């Protein structure tokens, strides 16, 4: 839908959205440029132009949508791209966490990303090798984008539950069978999230229905759907973490 479109101009309503470039330079650089490709790298959207890339990270509350003419900028619009066909590409971000980069060198933005979960080169054996090469709690490690790309807080909780791994287990205690279960669980929860268009958690997180299929996330004190034990919420690596204390047994003795 965007490939081949020419962006005639851009309006930056909140310069803090931009990384390492001024609003004036960004608007000047993007003027009359054609979008040659639209790709995704983990959580980054990559708009490719002839001489540079524009990377967009939606973070927690960002939306990137096409609006038809006529359109008037709305309260939380951060950048509005005007296209040659008269329509608009709008980056709306209620909480101002999203970021946009313009760079001629993609490595500056995505060079430190870990493997993609859906990559054919990423296997259970590779996941196991990566896990045991670290001595870190499994939940924060899964959220580390340099370890594995694209896995967020919700999906980590859900994948750990399906693989029956306690979120505070040290990664180097995970055996191969557990790594295989975790690999499969990651595939399942990401595919479920895609199928249900993500999750709508509050008035900001809107549009999807994956929240209707959560096993543990946001289900504190509710019964586990498998064993009936109340779901527990704790803080791990400064992130709210949900798990079942029965289905995900505690940390093995001596593995702290």
Protein backbone atom coordinates (compact mmCIF):
# COMPACT_ATOMS: atom_id res chain seq x y z
CA UNK A 1 0.00 0.00 0.00
CA UNK A 2 2.90 2.38 0.75
CA UNK A 3 5.48 1.07 -1.70
CA UNK A 4 5.84 3.47 -4.62
CA UNK A 5 4.18 6.37 -2.79
CA UNK A 6 5.94 9.72 -2.84
CA UNK A 7 6.08 11.74 0.37
CA UNK A 8 5.81 15.37 -0.65
CA UNK A 9 6.28 16.81 2.84
CA UNK A 10 6.21 16.04 6.55
CA UNK A 11 4.99 17.96 9.57
CA UNK A 12 6.68 17.27 12.91
CA UNK A 13 4.43 18.22 15.83
CA UNK A 14 6.65 16.82 18.59
CA UNK A 15 10.41 16.96 17.81
CA UNK A 16 11.15 14.60 20.72
CA UNK A 17 9.90 11.76 18.53
CA UNK A 18 13.01 12.13 16.37
CA UNK A 19 16.35 10.56 17.25
CA UNK A 20 19.61 12.30 16.34
CA UNK A 21 18.10 14.65 13.77
CA UNK A 22 16.36 18.00 14.02
CA UNK A 23 12.78 18.46 12.90
CA UNK A 24 13.94 20.90 10.24
CA UNK A 25 16.52 18.50 8.79
CA UNK A 26 14.07 15.60 8.89
CA UNK A 27 11.37 17.54 7.03
CA UNK A 28 13.89 18.72 4.45
CA UNK A 29 15.34 15.22 3.88
CA UNK A 30 11.99 13.46 3.48
CA UNK A 31 10.53 15.94 1.00
CA UNK A 32 9.61 14.45 -2.42
CA UNK A 33 11.09 11.04 -1.58
CA UNK A 34 9.61 7.76 -2.88
CA UNK A 35 9.08 4.77 -0.57
CA UNK A 36 10.89 1.85 -2.23
CA UNK A 37 10.13 -0.85 0.34
CA UNK A 38 8.47 -1.40 3.71
CA UNK A 39 10.10 -4.00 5.97
CA UNK A 40 10.04 -5.03 9.61
CA UNK A 41 13.05 -5.73 11.82
CA UNK A 42 11.88 -7.02 15.22
CA UNK A 43 9.82 -4.09 16.59
CA UNK A 44 11.09 -1.60 14.00
CA UNK A 45 9.20 -0.57 10.87
CA UNK A 46 11.65 0.21 8.06
CA UNK A 47 10.64 2.62 5.31
CA UNK A 48 13.32 2.41 2.64
CA UNK A 49 14.13 5.33 0.36
CA UNK A 50 16.82 5.70 -2.30
CA UNK A 51 19.45 7.26 -0.03
CA UNK A 52 18.27 6.52 3.50
CA UNK A 53 15.93 4.57 5.78
CA UNK A 54 13.28 5.83 8.17
CA UNK A 55 12.92 3.49 11.12
CA UNK A 56 9.84 3.76 13.33
CA UNK A 57 9.48 2.11 16.72
CA UNK A 58 5.90 2.33 17.99
CA UNK A 59 6.88 1.46 21.58
CA UNK A 60 3.91 1.18 23.94
CA UNK A 61 1.25 3.41 22.41
CA UNK A 62 2.24 4.30 18.86
CA UNK A 63 0.10 3.84 15.76
CA UNK A 64 1.14 4.24 12.13
CA UNK A 65 -1.96 4.65 9.98
CA UNK A 66 -2.98 5.95 6.56
CA UNK A 67 -5.61 8.70 6.63
CA UNK A 68 -7.50 9.75 3.54
CA UNK A 69 -7.87 13.35 2.36
CA UNK A 70 -9.19 15.55 3.89
CA UNK A 71 -7.49 15.09 7.26
CA UNK A 72 -6.78 17.46 10.13
CA UNK A 73 -4.00 16.57 12.61
CA UNK A 74 -5.28 15.17 15.90
CA UNK A 75 -4.16 15.73 19.49
CA UNK A 76 -1.58 12.93 19.70
CA UNK A 77 -0.23 13.06 16.15
CA UNK A 78 3.57 13.39 16.34
CA UNK A 79 4.50 13.27 12.65
CA UNK A 80 2.21 13.54 9.63
CA UNK A 81 3.58 12.64 6.19
CA UNK A 82 1.73 14.13 3.23
CA UNK A 83 1.74 11.84 0.19
CA UNK A 84 1.54 12.74 -3.47
CA UNK A 85 -1.86 11.04 -3.83
CA UNK A 86 -3.32 13.45 -1.27
CA UNK A 87 -3.50 10.95 1.60
CA UNK A 88 -1.51 11.05 4.81
CA UNK A 89 0.72 8.65 6.73
CA UNK A 90 0.24 9.51 10.40
CA UNK A 91 2.38 8.55 13.38
CA UNK A 92 0.14 8.97 16.42
CA UNK A 93 1.59 8.27 19.86
CA UNK A 94 -0.39 9.05 23.00
CA UNK A 95 2.38 8.47 25.52
CA UNK A 96 5.25 9.90 23.45
CA UNK A 97 7.39 6.77 23.87
CA UNK A 98 7.70 6.04 20.13
CA UNK A 99 10.78 7.07 18.18
CA UNK A 100 11.74 7.76 14.56
CA UNK A 101 15.21 7.59 13.01
CA UNK A 102 16.41 8.79 9.60
CA UNK A 103 19.72 7.19 8.69
CA UNK A 104 21.75 6.09 5.70
CA UNK A 105 23.28 3.28 7.77
CA UNK A 106 20.69 0.80 9.13
CA UNK A 107 23.32 -0.73 11.42
CA UNK A 108 23.14 2.42 13.51
CA UNK A 109 19.61 1.48 14.52
CA UNK A 110 19.21 -2.29 14.17
CA UNK A 111 22.81 -3.49 14.26
CA UNK A 112 22.57 -4.90 17.79
CA UNK A 113 19.36 -6.87 17.34
CA UNK A 114 19.34 -10.55 18.17
CA UNK A 115 17.88 -13.26 15.91
CA UNK A 116 14.28 -13.12 14.74
CA UNK A 117 12.05 -15.82 16.32
CA UNK A 118 10.55 -16.66 12.90
CA UNK A 119 13.86 -16.79 11.06
CA UNK A 120 14.52 -20.21 9.47
CA UNK A 121 18.07 -19.94 10.79
CA UNK A 122 16.84 -19.69 14.39
CA UNK A 123 16.45 -23.19 15.85
CA UNK A 124 15.76 -24.74 19.27
CA UNK A 125 19.41 -25.79 19.43
CA UNK A 126 20.56 -22.21 18.81
CA UNK A 127 18.17 -20.93 21.47
CA UNK A 128 19.54 -23.45 23.97
CA UNK A 129 23.13 -22.52 23.14
CA UNK A 130 22.34 -18.84 23.66
CA UNK A 131 20.52 -19.49 26.93
CA UNK A 132 23.31 -21.48 28.53
CA UNK A 133 25.92 -18.94 27.42
CA UNK A 134 24.35 -16.41 29.82
CA UNK A 135 23.89 -16.42 33.58
CA UNK A 136 20.78 -14.26 33.77
CA UNK A 137 17.19 -14.66 34.89
CA UNK A 138 15.23 -15.95 31.93
CA UNK A 139 12.50 -13.28 31.88
CA UNK A 140 14.79 -10.21 31.55
CA UNK A 141 16.96 -12.11 29.08
CA UNK A 142 14.00 -12.77 26.79
CA UNK A 143 13.17 -9.06 26.86
CA UNK A 144 16.73 -8.13 25.86
CA UNK A 145 16.44 -7.28 22.15
CA UNK A 146 20.12 -8.05 21.61
CA UNK A 147 19.42 -11.62 22.77
CA UNK A 148 16.20 -12.23 20.83
CA UNK A 149 14.34 -9.72 18.66
CA UNK A 150 10.74 -8.74 19.01
CA UNK A 151 9.63 -10.40 22.24
CA UNK A 152 7.82 -8.08 24.66
CA UNK A 153 6.56 -8.34 28.21
CA UNK A 154 3.20 -9.96 27.45
CA UNK A 155 4.62 -12.52 25.06
CA UNK A 156 7.48 -13.44 27.39
CA UNK A 157 5.07 -14.17 30.25
CA UNK A 158 2.84 -16.23 28.00
CA UNK A 159 5.73 -18.18 26.43
CA UNK A 160 7.29 -18.98 29.81
CA UNK A 161 3.92 -20.24 31.05
CA UNK A 162 3.38 -22.52 28.05
CA UNK A 163 6.91 -23.88 28.39
CA UNK A 164 6.45 -24.37 32.18
CA UNK A 165 9.55 -22.33 33.06
CA UNK A 166 9.66 -20.10 36.13
CA UNK A 167 10.44 -16.49 35.12
CA UNK A 168 13.26 -16.26 37.70
CA UNK A 169 15.12 -19.35 36.50
CA UNK A 170 18.67 -18.64 35.47
CA UNK A 171 19.09 -19.14 31.75
CA UNK A 172 22.09 -21.48 32.14
CA UNK A 173 19.92 -23.95 34.08
CA UNK A 174 17.59 -24.49 31.12
CA UNK A 175 18.10 -27.92 29.56
CA UNK A 176 17.61 -28.79 25.91
CA UNK A 177 14.09 -30.19 26.35
CA UNK A 178 13.02 -27.02 28.13
CA UNK A 179 14.61 -24.90 25.42
CA UNK A 180 12.65 -26.81 22.79
CA UNK A 181 9.43 -26.17 24.73
CA UNK A 182 10.31 -22.49 25.05
CA UNK A 183 11.12 -22.20 21.35
CA UNK A 184 7.77 -23.76 20.43
CA UNK A 185 5.92 -21.59 22.96
CA UNK A 186 7.45 -18.41 21.53
CA UNK A 187 6.24 -19.39 18.07
CA UNK A 188 2.75 -20.13 19.40
CA UNK A 189 2.26 -16.89 21.34
CA UNK A 190 3.64 -14.69 18.56
CA UNK A 191 1.42 -16.37 15.97
CA UNK A 192 -1.58 -16.02 18.29
CA UNK A 193 -0.79 -12.35 18.78
CA UNK A 194 -0.61 -11.83 15.02
CA UNK A 195 -3.83 -13.76 14.47
CA UNK A 196 -5.69 -11.59 16.98
CA UNK A 197 -4.08 -8.27 15.94
CA UNK A 198 -2.24 -7.83 19.22
CA UNK A 199 -3.78 -6.92 22.54
CA UNK A 200 -5.97 -4.08 23.73
CA UNK A 201 -5.08 -3.52 27.39
CA UNK A 202 -6.50 -0.07 28.12
CA UNK A 203 -7.74 3.02 26.27
CA UNK A 204 -4.30 3.43 24.69
CA UNK A 205 -3.68 -0.21 23.74
CA UNK A 206 -6.49 -0.67 21.26
CA UNK A 207 -7.45 -2.63 18.22
CA UNK A 208 -6.64 -6.27 18.98
CA UNK A 209 -8.24 -9.10 20.93
CA UNK A 210 -5.26 -11.18 22.07
CA UNK A 211 -6.05 -10.19 25.67
CA UNK A 212 -9.03 -12.55 25.49
CA UNK A 213 -6.60 -15.44 25.11
CA UNK A 214 -4.07 -14.69 27.85
CA UNK A 215 -3.12 -17.58 30.14
CA UNK A 216 -1.29 -15.55 32.78
CA UNK A 217 -0.68 -11.93 31.75
CA UNK A 218 -3.03 -9.47 33.52
CA UNK A 219 -4.70 -12.41 35.30
CA UNK A 220 -3.29 -11.84 38.81
CA UNK A 221 -5.27 -13.79 41.46
CA UNK A 222 -7.40 -15.47 38.81
CA UNK A 223 -7.33 -19.29 38.60
CA UNK A 224 -4.85 -20.91 36.26
CA UNK A 225 -6.73 -22.32 33.29
CA UNK A 226 -4.79 -25.58 33.62
CA UNK A 227 -4.55 -26.29 37.35
CA UNK A 228 -6.80 -23.75 39.08
CA UNK A 229 -4.03 -22.20 41.21
CA UNK A 230 -4.25 -18.39 41.48
CA UNK A 231 -1.91 -16.58 39.09
CA UNK A 232 0.84 -14.60 40.86
CA UNK A 233 2.26 -11.24 39.82
CA UNK A 234 5.78 -10.24 40.84
CA UNK A 235 8.39 -7.78 39.58
CA UNK A 236 11.31 -9.28 37.66
CA UNK A 237 13.88 -7.00 36.07
CA UNK A 238 11.64 -4.01 36.80
CA UNK A 239 8.79 -5.51 34.77
CA UNK A 240 5.48 -6.84 36.03
CA UNK A 241 5.63 -10.61 35.60
CA UNK A 242 2.77 -13.12 35.78
CA UNK A 243 3.10 -16.87 36.30
CA UNK A 244 1.46 -19.95 37.79
CA UNK A 245 3.42 -21.25 40.81
CA UNK A 246 2.29 -24.82 40.14
CA UNK A 247 2.61 -25.07 36.36
CA UNK A 248 5.90 -23.15 36.48
CA UNK A 249 7.81 -24.73 39.38
CA UNK A 250 10.13 -22.68 41.55
CA UNK A 251 13.83 -22.13 41.04
CA UNK A 252 15.85 -25.35 41.48
CA UNK A 253 18.06 -25.46 44.57
CA UNK A 254 21.56 -24.13 43.93
CA UNK A 255 20.63 -22.34 40.71
CA UNK A 256 20.56 -18.73 41.84
